[in-house]
Amino acid sequence: MYNVSLKCKWDAEAVRQHQEQALDFARQEGLAQGITAKSIEVVENLLSKLELSDGEIADLAKVSVEFVKKIRAGRRKNSK
């Protein structure tokens, strides 16, 4: 009887830990998506309002030059 009770307790703890890890992962993933979305918005605004180089925009938006080039390429593709 004690062994069954102990096993149930361990199972419940394992489930709780798994749920906690899943929630942490979901929070981190959501935060990363939000940061990426905001970075895209900032870069697009800088591209549309100012005549700056990719390096200058990357420096202002705190993103990589490659990120700015991807956004610029997407804007060119969408404008055609």
N, C-alpha and C. Protein backbone atom coordinates (compact mmCIF):
# COMPACT_ATOMS: atom_id res chain seq x y z
N MET A 1 0.82 -1.20 0.00
CA MET A 1 0.00 0.00 0.00
C MET A 1 0.87 1.26 0.00
N TYR A 2 1.90 1.25 0.86
CA TYR A 2 2.78 2.40 0.94
C TYR A 2 3.49 2.63 -0.39
N ASN A 3 3.93 1.55 -1.04
CA ASN A 3 4.64 1.67 -2.32
C ASN A 3 3.75 2.28 -3.39
N VAL A 4 2.48 1.91 -3.41
CA VAL A 4 1.54 2.47 -4.38
C VAL A 4 1.35 3.96 -4.12
N SER A 5 1.21 4.31 -2.86
CA SER A 5 1.04 5.71 -2.49
C SER A 5 2.28 6.52 -2.87
N LEU A 6 3.44 5.96 -2.62
CA LEU A 6 4.69 6.63 -2.95
C LEU A 6 4.83 6.80 -4.46
N LYS A 7 4.47 5.78 -5.23
CA LYS A 7 4.52 5.86 -6.69
C LYS A 7 3.57 6.93 -7.21
N CYS A 8 2.39 7.02 -6.65
CA CYS A 8 1.43 8.07 -7.05
C CYS A 8 2.00 9.45 -6.77
N LYS A 9 2.65 9.58 -5.62
CA LYS A 9 3.26 10.87 -5.27
C LYS A 9 4.35 11.23 -6.26
N TRP A 10 5.21 10.28 -6.61
CA TRP A 10 6.28 10.53 -7.57
C TRP A 10 5.72 10.88 -8.96
N ASP A 11 4.68 10.15 -9.36
CA ASP A 11 4.04 10.44 -10.65
C ASP A 11 3.47 11.85 -10.68
N ALA A 12 2.81 12.24 -9.61
CA ALA A 12 2.22 13.58 -9.54
C ALA A 12 3.32 14.65 -9.61
N GLU A 13 4.42 14.41 -8.94
CA GLU A 13 5.53 15.37 -8.96
C GLU A 13 6.15 15.45 -10.36
N ALA A 14 6.27 14.32 -11.03
CA ALA A 14 6.82 14.31 -12.39
C ALA A 14 5.92 15.09 -13.34
N VAL A 15 4.62 14.92 -13.20
CA VAL A 15 3.66 15.65 -14.03
C VAL A 15 3.77 17.15 -13.75
N ARG A 16 3.85 17.52 -12.48
CA ARG A 16 3.96 18.93 -12.12
C ARG A 16 5.23 19.55 -12.71
N GLN A 17 6.34 18.83 -12.61
CA GLN A 17 7.60 19.34 -13.16
C GLN A 17 7.52 19.48 -14.68
N HIS A 18 6.90 18.52 -15.33
CA HIS A 18 6.74 18.58 -16.79
C HIS A 18 5.88 19.78 -17.19
N GLN A 19 4.80 20.00 -16.48
CA GLN A 19 3.94 21.14 -16.78
C GLN A 19 4.68 22.45 -16.57
N GLU A 20 5.48 22.53 -15.52
CA GLU A 20 6.25 23.73 -15.23
C GLU A 20 7.27 24.00 -16.35
N GLN A 21 7.93 22.95 -16.82
CA GLN A 21 8.88 23.10 -17.92
C GLN A 21 8.18 23.53 -19.20
N ALA A 22 7.02 22.97 -19.46
CA ALA A 22 6.27 23.33 -20.66
C ALA A 22 5.83 24.80 -20.60
N LEU A 23 5.40 25.26 -19.45
CA LEU A 23 5.00 26.66 -19.30
C LEU A 23 6.20 27.60 -19.48
N ASP A 24 7.34 27.24 -18.90
CA ASP A 24 8.54 28.05 -19.07
C ASP A 24 8.93 28.14 -20.53
N PHE A 25 8.87 27.02 -21.23
CA PHE A 25 9.20 27.00 -22.65
C PHE A 25 8.23 27.89 -23.43
N ALA A 26 6.95 27.78 -23.13
CA ALA A 26 5.94 28.58 -23.83
C ALA A 26 6.15 30.07 -23.58
N ARG A 27 6.49 30.44 -22.35
CA ARG A 27 6.76 31.85 -22.04
C ARG A 27 7.96 32.36 -22.83
N GLN A 28 9.03 31.57 -22.84
CA GLN A 28 10.23 31.98 -23.57
C GLN A 28 9.96 32.09 -25.06
N GLU A 29 9.21 31.15 -25.60
CA GLU A 29 8.88 31.17 -27.03
C GLU A 29 8.01 32.39 -27.36
N GLY A 30 7.04 32.68 -26.52
CA GLY A 30 6.19 33.85 -26.73
C GLY A 30 6.97 35.15 -26.64
N LEU A 31 7.87 35.22 -25.69
CA LEU A 31 8.72 36.40 -25.54
C LEU A 31 9.60 36.59 -26.78
N ALA A 32 10.19 35.51 -27.26
CA ALA A 32 11.04 35.59 -28.45
C ALA A 32 10.24 36.04 -29.66
N GLN A 33 9.03 35.53 -29.82
CA GLN A 33 8.19 35.94 -30.94
C GLN A 33 7.81 37.41 -30.83
N GLY A 34 7.52 37.86 -29.63
CA GLY A 34 7.18 39.27 -29.43
C GLY A 34 8.35 40.19 -29.74
N ILE A 35 9.53 39.78 -29.32
CA ILE A 35 10.73 40.58 -29.59
C ILE A 35 10.99 40.63 -31.08
N THR A 36 10.85 39.51 -31.76
CA THR A 36 11.07 39.48 -33.21
C THR A 36 10.05 40.35 -33.92
N ALA A 37 8.79 40.26 -33.51
CA ALA A 37 7.76 41.08 -34.15
C ALA A 37 8.04 42.57 -33.95
N LYS A 38 8.46 42.94 -32.77
CA LYS A 38 8.77 44.35 -32.50
C LYS A 38 9.98 44.79 -33.30
N SER A 39 10.99 43.94 -33.42
CA SER A 39 12.17 44.28 -34.21
C SER A 39 11.80 44.48 -35.67
N ILE A 40 10.93 43.63 -36.20
CA ILE A 40 10.48 43.78 -37.58
C ILE A 40 9.77 45.11 -37.76
N GLU A 41 8.91 45.45 -36.82
CA GLU A 41 8.17 46.71 -36.88
C GLU A 41 9.12 47.91 -36.87
N VAL A 42 10.11 47.89 -36.00
CA VAL A 42 11.07 49.00 -35.90
C VAL A 42 11.86 49.12 -37.19
N VAL A 43 12.35 48.00 -37.70
CA VAL A 43 13.14 48.04 -38.94
C VAL A 43 12.30 48.53 -40.11
N GLU A 44 11.07 48.05 -40.22
CA GLU A 44 10.20 48.51 -41.32
C GLU A 44 9.93 50.01 -41.22
N ASN A 45 9.72 50.51 -40.01
CA ASN A 45 9.50 51.94 -39.84
C ASN A 45 10.74 52.74 -40.25
N LEU A 46 11.90 52.29 -39.86
CA LEU A 46 13.14 52.99 -40.23
C LEU A 46 13.36 52.94 -41.74
N LEU A 47 13.06 51.80 -42.35
CA LEU A 47 13.22 51.69 -43.80
C LEU A 47 12.27 52.62 -44.55
N SER A 48 11.05 52.75 -44.05
CA SER A 48 10.06 53.55 -44.77
C SER A 48 10.22 55.05 -44.53
N LYS A 49 10.77 55.43 -43.39
CA LYS A 49 10.80 56.86 -43.04
C LYS A 49 12.15 57.53 -43.27
N LEU A 50 13.23 56.75 -43.25
CA LEU A 50 14.56 57.35 -43.32
C LEU A 50 15.39 56.70 -44.42
N GLU A 51 16.29 57.46 -44.98
CA GLU A 51 17.22 56.95 -45.98
C GLU A 51 18.52 56.56 -45.28
N LEU A 52 18.52 55.39 -44.65
CA LEU A 52 19.68 54.92 -43.91
C LEU A 52 20.20 53.62 -44.54
N SER A 53 21.48 53.35 -44.31
CA SER A 53 22.05 52.09 -44.79
C SER A 53 21.59 50.95 -43.89
N ASP A 54 21.78 49.73 -44.37
CA ASP A 54 21.41 48.57 -43.57
C ASP A 54 22.17 48.54 -42.26
N GLY A 55 23.43 48.92 -42.29
CA GLY A 55 24.24 48.93 -41.08
C GLY A 55 23.74 49.94 -40.06
N GLU A 56 23.34 51.12 -40.53
CA GLU A 56 22.82 52.14 -39.62
C GLU A 56 21.50 51.71 -38.99
N ILE A 57 20.65 51.11 -39.81
CA ILE A 57 19.36 50.63 -39.29
C ILE A 57 19.59 49.51 -38.28
N ALA A 58 20.50 48.59 -38.60
CA ALA A 58 20.81 47.49 -37.68
C ALA A 58 21.31 48.03 -36.35
N ASP A 59 22.16 49.06 -36.42
CA ASP A 59 22.69 49.66 -35.20
C ASP A 59 21.59 50.33 -34.37
N LEU A 60 20.71 51.06 -35.02
CA LEU A 60 19.63 51.74 -34.32
C LEU A 60 18.62 50.76 -33.72
N ALA A 61 18.29 49.72 -34.48
CA ALA A 61 17.27 48.76 -34.04
C ALA A 61 17.85 47.64 -33.17
N LYS A 62 19.17 47.61 -33.02
CA LYS A 62 19.84 46.57 -32.23
C LYS A 62 19.56 45.17 -32.78
N VAL A 63 19.66 45.05 -34.11
CA VAL A 63 19.51 43.76 -34.79
C VAL A 63 20.71 43.56 -35.71
N SER A 64 20.79 42.41 -36.34
CA SER A 64 21.89 42.15 -37.25
C SER A 64 21.62 42.78 -38.62
N VAL A 65 22.69 43.00 -39.36
CA VAL A 65 22.56 43.54 -40.72
C VAL A 65 21.81 42.55 -41.59
N GLU A 66 22.03 41.26 -41.37
CA GLU A 66 21.32 40.22 -42.14
C GLU A 66 19.81 40.30 -41.92
N PHE A 67 19.42 40.60 -40.68
CA PHE A 67 18.00 40.75 -40.35
C PHE A 67 17.41 41.91 -41.15
N VAL A 68 18.12 43.03 -41.21
CA VAL A 68 17.65 44.20 -41.95
C VAL A 68 17.56 43.87 -43.44
N LYS A 69 18.54 43.16 -43.96
CA LYS A 69 18.54 42.79 -45.38
C LYS A 69 17.35 41.89 -45.71
N LYS A 70 17.00 40.96 -44.79
CA LYS A 70 15.82 40.11 -45.01
C LYS A 70 14.54 40.94 -45.05
N ILE A 71 14.43 41.91 -44.16
CA ILE A 71 13.23 42.75 -44.13
C ILE A 71 13.17 43.60 -45.39
N ARG A 72 14.30 44.18 -45.79
CA ARG A 72 14.34 45.00 -47.00
C ARG A 72 13.97 44.16 -48.23
N ALA A 73 14.51 42.94 -48.32
CA ALA A 73 14.20 42.06 -49.44
C ALA A 73 12.71 41.70 -49.47
N GLY A 74 12.14 41.46 -48.30
CA GLY A 74 10.71 41.16 -48.23
C GLY A 74 9.85 42.33 -48.67
N ARG A 75 10.29 43.54 -48.34
CA ARG A 75 9.53 44.73 -48.75
C ARG A 75 9.60 44.90 -50.25
N ARG A 76 10.76 44.64 -50.85
CA ARG A 76 10.89 44.74 -52.30
C ARG A 76 10.01 43.71 -52.98
N LYS A 77 10.00 42.50 -52.44
CA LYS A 77 9.21 41.41 -53.01
C LYS A 77 7.71 41.74 -52.94
N ASN A 78 7.28 42.31 -51.81
CA ASN A 78 5.86 42.65 -51.63
C ASN A 78 5.43 43.84 -52.47
N SER A 79 6.36 44.72 -52.80
CA SER A 79 5.99 45.92 -53.55
C SER A 79 5.87 45.65 -55.05
N LYS A 80 6.30 44.50 -55.50
CA LYS A 80 6.23 44.14 -56.94
C LYS A 80 4.91 43.56 -57.29
